[in-house]
């Protein structure tokens, strides 16, 4: 194997691991806002919404 093929395979494996991690975090992390990005753990359970007419 030459060095270029090894680098390409390594980058491919790293891309698969990164994508898998994103999918895993989006499925497991259920805290936070509706976007489910996992950046915050805000609790809006006690927040009162204004009434509309």
C-alpha atoms as a PDB file:
ATOM      1  CA  UNK A   1       0.000   0.000   0.000  1.00  0.00           C
ATOM      2  CA  UNK A   2       1.279   3.395  -0.711  1.00  0.00           C
ATOM      3  CA  UNK A   3       0.978   6.344   1.645  1.00  0.00           C
ATOM      4  CA  UNK A   4      -1.732   8.113  -0.358  1.00  0.00           C
ATOM      5  CA  UNK A   5      -4.111   5.135  -0.120  1.00  0.00           C
ATOM      6  CA  UNK A   6      -3.550   4.856   3.635  1.00  0.00           C
ATOM      7  CA  UNK A   7      -4.361   8.564   4.114  1.00  0.00           C
ATOM      8  CA  UNK A   8      -7.544   8.261   2.024  1.00  0.00           C
ATOM      9  CA  UNK A   9      -8.711   5.188   3.980  1.00  0.00           C
ATOM     10  CA  UNK A  10      -7.964   6.932   7.286  1.00  0.00           C
ATOM     11  CA  UNK A  11      -9.938  10.038   6.272  1.00  0.00           C
ATOM     12  CA  UNK A  12     -12.850   7.870   5.134  1.00  0.00           C
ATOM     13  CA  UNK A  13     -12.926   6.014   8.453  1.00  0.00           C
ATOM     14  CA  UNK A  14     -12.776   9.293  10.386  1.00  0.00           C
ATOM     15  CA  UNK A  15     -15.679  10.678   8.324  1.00  0.00           C
ATOM     16  CA  UNK A  16     -17.777   7.588   9.085  1.00  0.00           C
ATOM     17  CA  UNK A  17     -17.000   7.872  12.803  1.00  0.00           C
ATOM     18  CA  UNK A  18     -17.911  11.578  12.791  1.00  0.00           C
ATOM     19  CA  UNK A  19     -21.209  10.988  10.974  1.00  0.00           C
ATOM     20  CA  UNK A  20     -22.036   8.083  13.274  1.00  0.00           C
ATOM     21  CA  UNK A  21     -21.364  10.235  16.315  1.00  0.00           C
ATOM     22  CA  UNK A  22     -23.718  12.941  15.008  1.00  0.00           C
ATOM     23  CA  UNK A  23     -26.485  10.409  14.411  1.00  0.00           C
ATOM     24  CA  UNK A  24     -25.939   8.816  17.825  1.00  0.00           C
ATOM     25  CA  UNK A  25     -26.076  12.173  19.635  1.00  0.00           C
ATOM     26  CA  UNK A  26     -29.231  13.207  17.782  1.00  0.00           C
ATOM     27  CA  UNK A  27     -30.994   9.982  18.739  1.00  0.00           C
ATOM     28  CA  UNK A  28     -29.828   9.741  22.364  1.00  0.00           C
ATOM     29  CA  UNK A  29     -29.848  13.350  23.611  1.00  0.00           C
ATOM     30  CA  UNK A  30     -33.466  14.257  24.327  1.00  0.00           C
ATOM     31  CA  UNK A  31     -32.794  17.280  26.576  1.00  0.00           C
ATOM     32  CA  UNK A  32     -32.992  20.819  25.354  1.00  0.00           C
ATOM     33  CA  UNK A  33     -34.874  22.595  22.640  1.00  0.00           C
ATOM     34  CA  UNK A  34     -36.750  21.226  19.658  1.00  0.00           C
ATOM     35  CA  UNK A  35     -33.763  21.523  17.337  1.00  0.00           C
ATOM     36  CA  UNK A  36     -32.083  18.753  19.368  1.00  0.00           C
ATOM     37  CA  UNK A  37     -28.591  20.066  18.665  1.00  0.00           C
ATOM     38  CA  UNK A  38     -27.416  19.081  22.137  1.00  0.00           C
ATOM     39  CA  UNK A  39     -25.748  22.407  22.887  1.00  0.00           C
ATOM     40  CA  UNK A  40     -27.983  23.409  25.764  1.00  0.00           C
ATOM     41  CA  UNK A  41     -29.942  21.713  28.476  1.00  0.00           C
ATOM     42  CA  UNK A  42     -32.481  24.486  28.998  1.00  0.00           C
ATOM     43  CA  UNK A  43     -35.555  23.635  31.030  1.00  0.00           C
ATOM     44  CA  UNK A  44     -38.625  25.495  29.811  1.00  0.00           C
ATOM     45  CA  UNK A  45     -41.150  23.439  31.779  1.00  0.00           C
ATOM     46  CA  UNK A  46     -42.051  26.308  34.142  1.00  0.00           C
ATOM     47  CA  UNK A  47     -42.199  29.001  31.461  1.00  0.00           C
ATOM     48  CA  UNK A  48     -45.630  30.567  30.934  1.00  0.00           C
ATOM     49  CA  UNK A  49     -46.680  31.473  27.425  1.00  0.00           C
ATOM     50  CA  UNK A  50     -48.653  34.682  26.849  1.00  0.00           C
ATOM     51  CA  UNK A  51     -52.303  34.143  26.017  1.00  0.00           C
ATOM     52  CA  UNK A  52     -53.440  35.241  22.589  1.00  0.00           C
ATOM     53  CA  UNK A  53     -56.900  36.668  21.840  1.00  0.00           C
END
